[in-house]
PDB file of all heavy atoms in Angstrom:
ATOM      1  N   ALA A   1      -2.162   7.418  -8.739  1.00  0.00           N
ATOM      2  CA  ALA A   1      -2.940   8.518  -9.334  1.00  0.00           C
ATOM      3  C   ALA A   1      -4.411   8.207  -9.433  1.00  0.00           C
ATOM      4  O   ALA A   1      -5.245   9.168  -9.422  1.00  0.00           O
ATOM      5  CB  ALA A   1      -2.418   8.817 -10.700  1.00  0.00           C
ATOM      6  N   VAL A   2      -4.778   6.936  -9.451  1.00  0.00           N
ATOM      7  CA  VAL A   2      -6.169   6.563  -9.785  1.00  0.00           C
ATOM      8  C   VAL A   2      -6.870   5.806  -8.646  1.00  0.00           C
ATOM      9  O   VAL A   2      -8.097   6.026  -8.440  1.00  0.00           O
ATOM     10  CB  VAL A   2      -6.174   5.689 -11.073  1.00  0.00           C
ATOM     11  CG1 VAL A   2      -7.560   5.139 -11.334  1.00  0.00           C
ATOM     12  CG2 VAL A   2      -5.663   6.470 -12.243  1.00  0.00           C
ATOM     13  N   CYS A   3      -6.187   4.983  -7.912  1.00  0.00           N
ATOM     14  CA  CYS A   3      -6.838   3.979  -7.026  1.00  0.00           C
ATOM     15  C   CYS A   3      -7.072   4.487  -5.590  1.00  0.00           C
ATOM     16  O   CYS A   3      -6.417   5.448  -5.094  1.00  0.00           O
ATOM     17  CB  CYS A   3      -6.035   2.725  -7.012  1.00  0.00           C
ATOM     18  SG  CYS A   3      -5.820   1.923  -8.621  1.00  0.00           S
ATOM     19  N   ASP A   4      -8.051   3.801  -4.961  1.00  0.00           N
ATOM     20  CA  ASP A   4      -8.310   4.053  -3.518  1.00  0.00           C
ATOM     21  C   ASP A   4      -7.494   3.126  -2.629  1.00  0.00           C
ATOM     22  O   ASP A   4      -7.003   3.515  -1.615  1.00  0.00           O
ATOM     23  CB  ASP A   4      -9.804   3.837  -3.243  1.00  0.00           C
ATOM     24  CG  ASP A   4     -10.693   4.697  -4.127  1.00  0.00           C
ATOM     25  OD1 ASP A   4     -10.500   5.903  -4.201  1.00  0.00           O
ATOM     26  OD2 ASP A   4     -11.643   4.150  -4.759  1.00  0.00           O
ATOM     27  N   ARG A   5      -7.373   1.850  -3.049  1.00  0.00           N
ATOM     28  CA  ARG A   5      -6.659   0.883  -2.293  1.00  0.00           C
ATOM     29  C   ARG A   5      -5.739   0.100  -3.235  1.00  0.00           C
ATOM     30  O   ARG A   5      -5.875   0.144  -4.428  1.00  0.00           O
ATOM     31  CB  ARG A   5      -7.615  -0.126  -1.638  1.00  0.00           C
ATOM     32  CG  ARG A   5      -8.282   0.353  -0.383  1.00  0.00           C
ATOM     33  CD  ARG A   5      -8.862  -0.822   0.462  1.00  0.00           C
ATOM     34  NE  ARG A   5      -9.632  -1.800  -0.319  1.00  0.00           N
ATOM     35  CZ  ARG A   5      -9.387  -3.065  -0.296  1.00  0.00           C
ATOM     36  NH1 ARG A   5      -8.338  -3.614   0.361  1.00  0.00           N
ATOM     37  NH2 ARG A   5     -10.183  -3.889  -1.006  1.00  0.00           N
ATOM     38  N   TYR A   6      -4.795  -0.630  -2.619  1.00  0.00           N
ATOM     39  CA  TYR A   6      -3.924  -1.492  -3.435  1.00  0.00           C
ATOM     40  C   TYR A   6      -3.831  -2.860  -2.792  1.00  0.00           C
ATOM     41  O   TYR A   6      -3.989  -3.028  -1.579  1.00  0.00           O
ATOM     42  CB  TYR A   6      -2.489  -0.848  -3.541  1.00  0.00           C
ATOM     43  CG  TYR A   6      -1.808  -0.767  -2.201  1.00  0.00           C
ATOM     44  CD1 TYR A   6      -1.010  -1.855  -1.733  1.00  0.00           C
ATOM     45  CD2 TYR A   6      -1.911   0.355  -1.391  1.00  0.00           C
ATOM     46  CE1 TYR A   6      -0.357  -1.767  -0.533  1.00  0.00           C
ATOM     47  CE2 TYR A   6      -1.270   0.426  -0.178  1.00  0.00           C
ATOM     48  CZ  TYR A   6      -0.488  -0.656   0.239  1.00  0.00           C
ATOM     49  OH  TYR A   6       0.131  -0.587   1.466  1.00  0.00           O
ATOM     50  N   ILE A   7      -3.581  -3.854  -3.677  1.00  0.00           N
ATOM     51  CA  ILE A   7      -3.289  -5.226  -3.233  1.00  0.00           C
ATOM     52  C   ILE A   7      -2.076  -5.654  -4.004  1.00  0.00           C
ATOM     53  O   ILE A   7      -1.952  -5.399  -5.242  1.00  0.00           O
ATOM     54  CB  ILE A   7      -4.467  -6.146  -3.488  1.00  0.00           C
ATOM     55  CG1 ILE A   7      -5.570  -6.026  -2.417  1.00  0.00           C
ATOM     56  CG2 ILE A   7      -4.006  -7.607  -3.507  1.00  0.00           C
ATOM     57  CD1 ILE A   7      -6.766  -6.835  -2.649  1.00  0.00           C
ATOM     58  N   ILE A   8      -1.078  -6.241  -3.319  1.00  0.00           N
ATOM     59  CA  ILE A   8       0.108  -6.791  -3.967  1.00  0.00           C
ATOM     60  C   ILE A   8       0.111  -8.310  -3.739  1.00  0.00           C
ATOM     61  O   ILE A   8       0.038  -8.713  -2.611  1.00  0.00           O
ATOM     62  CB  ILE A   8       1.392  -6.175  -3.422  1.00  0.00           C
ATOM     63  CG1 ILE A   8       1.384  -4.644  -3.563  1.00  0.00           C
ATOM     64  CG2 ILE A   8       2.633  -6.770  -4.083  1.00  0.00           C
ATOM     65  CD1 ILE A   8       2.549  -3.930  -2.852  1.00  0.00           C
ATOM     66  N   ILE A   9       0.158  -9.055  -4.849  1.00  0.00           N
ATOM     67  CA  ILE A   9       0.288 -10.499  -4.710  1.00  0.00           C
ATOM     68  C   ILE A   9       1.677 -10.967  -5.184  1.00  0.00           C
ATOM     69  O   ILE A   9       2.271 -10.309  -6.083  1.00  0.00           O
ATOM     70  CB  ILE A   9      -0.815 -11.278  -5.399  1.00  0.00           C
ATOM     71  CG1 ILE A   9      -0.768 -11.110  -6.932  1.00  0.00           C
ATOM     72  CG2 ILE A   9      -2.161 -10.818  -4.912  1.00  0.00           C
ATOM     73  CD1 ILE A   9      -1.716 -12.085  -7.664  1.00  0.00           C
ATOM     74  N   ASN A  10       2.147 -12.043  -4.669  1.00  0.00           N
ATOM     75  CA  ASN A  10       3.453 -12.565  -5.057  1.00  0.00           C
ATOM     76  C   ASN A  10       3.398 -14.092  -4.856  1.00  0.00           C
ATOM     77  O   ASN A  10       2.953 -14.577  -3.806  1.00  0.00           O
ATOM     78  CB  ASN A  10       4.543 -11.987  -4.219  1.00  0.00           C
ATOM     79  CG  ASN A  10       5.942 -12.267  -4.773  1.00  0.00           C
ATOM     80  OD1 ASN A  10       6.115 -12.343  -5.951  1.00  0.00           O
ATOM     81  ND2 ASN A  10       6.873 -12.422  -3.894  1.00  0.00           N
ATOM     82  N   HIS A  11       3.800 -14.831  -5.872  1.00  0.00           N
ATOM     83  CA  HIS A  11       3.796 -16.296  -5.849  1.00  0.00           C
ATOM     84  C   HIS A  11       2.406 -16.869  -5.473  1.00  0.00           C
ATOM     85  O   HIS A  11       2.285 -17.809  -4.714  1.00  0.00           O
ATOM     86  CB  HIS A  11       4.859 -16.826  -4.830  1.00  0.00           C
ATOM     87  CG  HIS A  11       6.259 -16.432  -5.214  1.00  0.00           C
ATOM     88  ND1 HIS A  11       6.833 -16.773  -6.407  1.00  0.00           N
ATOM     89  CD2 HIS A  11       7.177 -15.728  -4.561  1.00  0.00           C
ATOM     90  CE1 HIS A  11       8.059 -16.257  -6.430  1.00  0.00           C
ATOM     91  NE2 HIS A  11       8.306 -15.668  -5.312  1.00  0.00           N
ATOM     92  N   GLY A  12       1.356 -16.150  -5.938  1.00  0.00           N
ATOM     93  CA  GLY A  12       0.028 -16.700  -5.784  1.00  0.00           C
ATOM     94  C   GLY A  12      -0.577 -16.443  -4.400  1.00  0.00           C
ATOM     95  O   GLY A  12      -1.635 -16.970  -4.090  1.00  0.00           O
ATOM     96  N   THR A  13       0.093 -15.578  -3.595  1.00  0.00           N
ATOM     97  CA  THR A  13      -0.454 -15.294  -2.254  1.00  0.00           C
ATOM     98  C   THR A  13      -0.501 -13.782  -2.028  1.00  0.00           C
ATOM     99  O   THR A  13       0.248 -13.070  -2.725  1.00  0.00           O
ATOM    100  CB  THR A  13       0.358 -15.988  -1.138  1.00  0.00           C
ATOM    101  OG1 THR A  13       1.670 -15.483  -1.199  1.00  0.00           O
ATOM    102  CG2 THR A  13       0.349 -17.465  -1.250  1.00  0.00           C
ATOM    103  N   LEU A  14      -1.337 -13.389  -1.139  1.00  0.00           N
ATOM    104  CA  LEU A  14      -1.404 -11.923  -0.825  1.00  0.00           C
ATOM    105  C   LEU A  14      -0.167 -11.546  -0.024  1.00  0.00           C
ATOM    106  O   LEU A  14       0.110 -12.039   1.040  1.00  0.00           O
ATOM    107  CB  LEU A  14      -2.680 -11.688   0.017  1.00  0.00           C
ATOM    108  CG  LEU A  14      -2.971 -10.209   0.311  1.00  0.00           C
ATOM    109  CD1 LEU A  14      -3.305  -9.420  -0.940  1.00  0.00           C
ATOM    110  CD2 LEU A  14      -4.141 -10.115   1.276  1.00  0.00           C
ATOM    111  N   ALA A  15       0.592 -10.540  -0.597  1.00  0.00           N
ATOM    112  CA  ALA A  15       1.820 -10.107   0.003  1.00  0.00           C
ATOM    113  C   ALA A  15       1.659  -8.783   0.794  1.00  0.00           C
ATOM    114  O   ALA A  15       2.326  -8.578   1.826  1.00  0.00           O
ATOM    115  CB  ALA A  15       2.902  -9.918  -1.069  1.00  0.00           C
ATOM    116  N   ALA A  16       0.729  -7.942   0.350  1.00  0.00           N
ATOM    117  CA  ALA A  16       0.495  -6.619   1.040  1.00  0.00           C
ATOM    118  C   ALA A  16      -0.766  -6.038   0.514  1.00  0.00           C
ATOM    119  O   ALA A  16      -1.214  -6.269  -0.577  1.00  0.00           O
ATOM    120  CB  ALA A  16       1.655  -5.680   0.809  1.00  0.00           C
ATOM    121  N   GLU A  17      -1.411  -5.223   1.369  1.00  0.00           N
ATOM    122  CA  GLU A  17      -2.574  -4.450   0.963  1.00  0.00           C
ATOM    123  C   GLU A  17      -2.653  -3.222   1.812  1.00  0.00           C
ATOM    124  O   GLU A  17      -2.146  -3.170   2.924  1.00  0.00           O
ATOM    125  CB  GLU A  17      -3.834  -5.294   1.080  1.00  0.00           C
ATOM    126  CG  GLU A  17      -4.261  -5.739   2.422  1.00  0.00           C
ATOM    127  CD  GLU A  17      -5.525  -6.534   2.398  1.00  0.00           C
ATOM    128  OE1 GLU A  17      -6.478  -6.164   1.757  1.00  0.00           O
ATOM    129  OE2 GLU A  17      -5.570  -7.616   3.111  1.00  0.00           O
ATOM    130  N   GLY A  18      -3.363  -2.206   1.324  1.00  0.00           N
ATOM    131  CA  GLY A  18      -3.528  -1.003   2.115  1.00  0.00           C
ATOM    132  C   GLY A  18      -4.302   0.050   1.425  1.00  0.00           C
ATOM    133  O   GLY A  18      -4.806  -0.112   0.268  1.00  0.00           O
ATOM    134  N   ASN A  19      -4.461   1.153   2.107  1.00  0.00           N
ATOM    135  CA  ASN A  19      -5.267   2.300   1.623  1.00  0.00           C
ATOM    136  C   ASN A  19      -4.292   3.358   1.043  1.00  0.00           C
ATOM    137  O   ASN A  19      -3.359   3.736   1.731  1.00  0.00           O
ATOM    138  CB  ASN A  19      -6.073   2.902   2.806  1.00  0.00           C
ATOM    139  CG  ASN A  19      -7.033   3.936   2.336  1.00  0.00           C
ATOM    140  OD1 ASN A  19      -6.633   4.974   1.782  1.00  0.00           O
ATOM    141  ND2 ASN A  19      -8.299   3.727   2.632  1.00  0.00           N
ATOM    142  N   LEU A  20      -4.547   3.815  -0.197  1.00  0.00           N
ATOM    143  CA  LEU A  20      -3.656   4.765  -0.783  1.00  0.00           C
ATOM    144  C   LEU A  20      -3.693   6.114  -0.094  1.00  0.00           C
ATOM    145  O   LEU A  20      -2.650   6.836   0.011  1.00  0.00           O
ATOM    146  CB  LEU A  20      -4.016   4.965  -2.268  1.00  0.00           C
ATOM    147  CG  LEU A  20      -3.241   4.139  -3.270  1.00  0.00           C
ATOM    148  CD1 LEU A  20      -1.777   4.508  -3.294  1.00  0.00           C
ATOM    149  CD2 LEU A  20      -3.408   2.674  -3.140  1.00  0.00           C
ATOM    150  N   HIS A  21      -4.822   6.451   0.490  1.00  0.00           N
ATOM    151  CA  HIS A  21      -4.944   7.742   1.186  1.00  0.00           C
ATOM    152  C   HIS A  21      -3.996   7.751   2.425  1.00  0.00           C
ATOM    153  O   HIS A  21      -3.309   8.704   2.662  1.00  0.00           O
ATOM    154  CB  HIS A  21      -6.361   8.008   1.656  1.00  0.00           C
ATOM    155  CG  HIS A  21      -6.490   9.236   2.475  1.00  0.00           C
ATOM    156  ND1 HIS A  21      -6.466  10.496   1.949  1.00  0.00           N
ATOM    157  CD2 HIS A  21      -6.679   9.402   3.798  1.00  0.00           C
ATOM    158  CE1 HIS A  21      -6.612  11.391   2.888  1.00  0.00           C
ATOM    159  NE2 HIS A  21      -6.753  10.731   4.080  1.00  0.00           N
ATOM    160  N   ASP A  22      -3.965   6.638   3.122  1.00  0.00           N
ATOM    161  CA  ASP A  22      -3.075   6.535   4.321  1.00  0.00           C
ATOM    162  C   ASP A  22      -1.624   6.588   3.884  1.00  0.00           C
ATOM    163  O   ASP A  22      -0.828   7.246   4.559  1.00  0.00           O
ATOM    164  CB  ASP A  22      -3.358   5.220   5.030  1.00  0.00           C
ATOM    165  CG  ASP A  22      -4.672   5.149   5.743  1.00  0.00           C
ATOM    166  OD1 ASP A  22      -5.272   6.286   5.929  1.00  0.00           O
ATOM    167  OD2 ASP A  22      -5.142   4.095   6.059  1.00  0.00           O
ATOM    168  N   LEU A  23      -1.333   5.947   2.765  1.00  0.00           N
ATOM    169  CA  LEU A  23       0.062   5.973   2.281  1.00  0.00           C
ATOM    170  C   LEU A  23       0.477   7.347   1.861  1.00  0.00           C
ATOM    171  O   LEU A  23       1.598   7.812   2.233  1.00  0.00           O
ATOM    172  CB  LEU A  23       0.170   4.983   1.106  1.00  0.00           C
ATOM    173  CG  LEU A  23       1.592   4.607   0.624  1.00  0.00           C
ATOM    174  CD1 LEU A  23       2.332   3.918   1.783  1.00  0.00           C
ATOM    175  CD2 LEU A  23       1.533   3.760  -0.568  1.00  0.00           C
ATOM    176  N   ASP A  24      -0.365   8.042   1.123  1.00  0.00           N
ATOM    177  CA  ASP A  24      -0.090   9.397   0.679  1.00  0.00           C
ATOM    178  C   ASP A  24       0.061  10.388   1.868  1.00  0.00           C
ATOM    179  O   ASP A  24       0.764  11.367   1.804  1.00  0.00           O
ATOM    180  CB  ASP A  24      -1.124   9.906  -0.265  1.00  0.00           C
ATOM    181  CG  ASP A  24      -1.122   9.152  -1.610  1.00  0.00           C
ATOM    182  OD1 ASP A  24      -0.085   8.526  -1.924  1.00  0.00           O
ATOM    183  OD2 ASP A  24      -2.111   9.181  -2.324  1.00  0.00           O
ATOM    184  N   ALA A  25      -0.722  10.122   2.925  1.00  0.00           N
ATOM    185  CA  ALA A  25      -0.673  10.981   4.046  1.00  0.00           C
ATOM    186  C   ALA A  25       0.536  10.704   4.986  1.00  0.00           C
ATOM    187  O   ALA A  25       0.713  11.335   5.995  1.00  0.00           O
ATOM    188  CB  ALA A  25      -1.946  10.786   4.903  1.00  0.00           C
ATOM    189  N   GLY A  26       1.395   9.790   4.542  1.00  0.00           N
ATOM    190  CA  GLY A  26       2.629   9.544   5.306  1.00  0.00           C
ATOM    191  C   GLY A  26       2.414   8.558   6.458  1.00  0.00           C
ATOM    192  O   GLY A  26       3.132   8.639   7.485  1.00  0.00           O
ATOM    193  N   ALA A  27       1.371   7.650   6.342  1.00  0.00           N
ATOM    194  CA  ALA A  27       1.142   6.755   7.422  1.00  0.00           C
ATOM    195  C   ALA A  27       2.208   5.650   7.538  1.00  0.00           C
ATOM    196  O   ALA A  27       2.298   5.006   8.501  1.00  0.00           O
ATOM    197  CB  ALA A  27      -0.239   6.080   7.231  1.00  0.00           C
ATOM    198  N   GLY A  28       2.938   5.513   6.416  1.00  0.00           N
ATOM    199  CA  GLY A  28       4.055   4.534   6.486  1.00  0.00           C
ATOM    200  C   GLY A  28       5.174   4.957   7.447  1.00  0.00           C
ATOM    201  O   GLY A  28       5.219   6.095   7.878  1.00  0.00           O
ATOM    202  N   GLN A  29       6.064   4.088   7.727  1.00  0.00           N
ATOM    203  CA  GLN A  29       7.164   4.331   8.688  1.00  0.00           C
ATOM    204  C   GLN A  29       8.156   5.271   8.096  1.00  0.00           C
ATOM    205  O   GLN A  29       8.651   5.100   6.974  1.00  0.00           O
ATOM    206  CB  GLN A  29       7.795   3.015   9.089  1.00  0.00           C
ATOM    207  CG  GLN A  29       8.745   3.171  10.265  1.00  0.00           C
ATOM    208  CD  GLN A  29       9.268   1.864  10.693  1.00  0.00           C
ATOM    209  OE1 GLN A  29       9.403   0.914   9.890  1.00  0.00           O
ATOM    210  NE2 GLN A  29       9.571   1.678  11.981  1.00  0.00           N
ATOM    211  N   ALA A  30       8.483   6.312   8.818  1.00  0.00           N
ATOM    212  CA  ALA A  30       9.473   7.318   8.370  1.00  0.00           C
ATOM    213  C   ALA A  30      10.872   6.719   8.359  1.00  0.00           C
ATOM    214  O   ALA A  30      11.172   5.765   9.117  1.00  0.00           O
ATOM    215  CB  ALA A  30       9.423   8.566   9.166  1.00  0.00           C
ATOM    216  N   GLY A  31      11.777   7.280   7.572  1.00  0.00           N
ATOM    217  CA  GLY A  31      13.072   6.768   7.554  1.00  0.00           C
ATOM    218  C   GLY A  31      14.005   7.697   6.741  1.00  0.00           C
ATOM    219  O   GLY A  31      13.612   8.790   6.350  1.00  0.00           O
ATOM    220  N   ILE A  32      15.227   7.279   6.570  1.00  0.00           N
ATOM    221  CA  ILE A  32      16.210   8.029   5.772  1.00  0.00           C
ATOM    222  C   ILE A  32      16.609   7.151   4.591  1.00  0.00           C
ATOM    223  O   ILE A  32      16.958   5.965   4.697  1.00  0.00           O
ATOM    224  CB  ILE A  32      17.489   8.296   6.627  1.00  0.00           C
ATOM    225  CG1 ILE A  32      17.160   9.075   7.878  1.00  0.00           C
ATOM    226  CG2 ILE A  32      18.524   9.005   5.841  1.00  0.00           C
ATOM    227  CD1 ILE A  32      16.715  10.472   7.635  1.00  0.00           C
TER     228      ILE A  32
END
């Protein structure tokens, strides 16, 4: 609701990052 980008860390390392606009626009992989 608020952010432009996200970063996910796990066990002290960078696990994932990306742009929220791309994610909301369905840039992620489609599936069932």
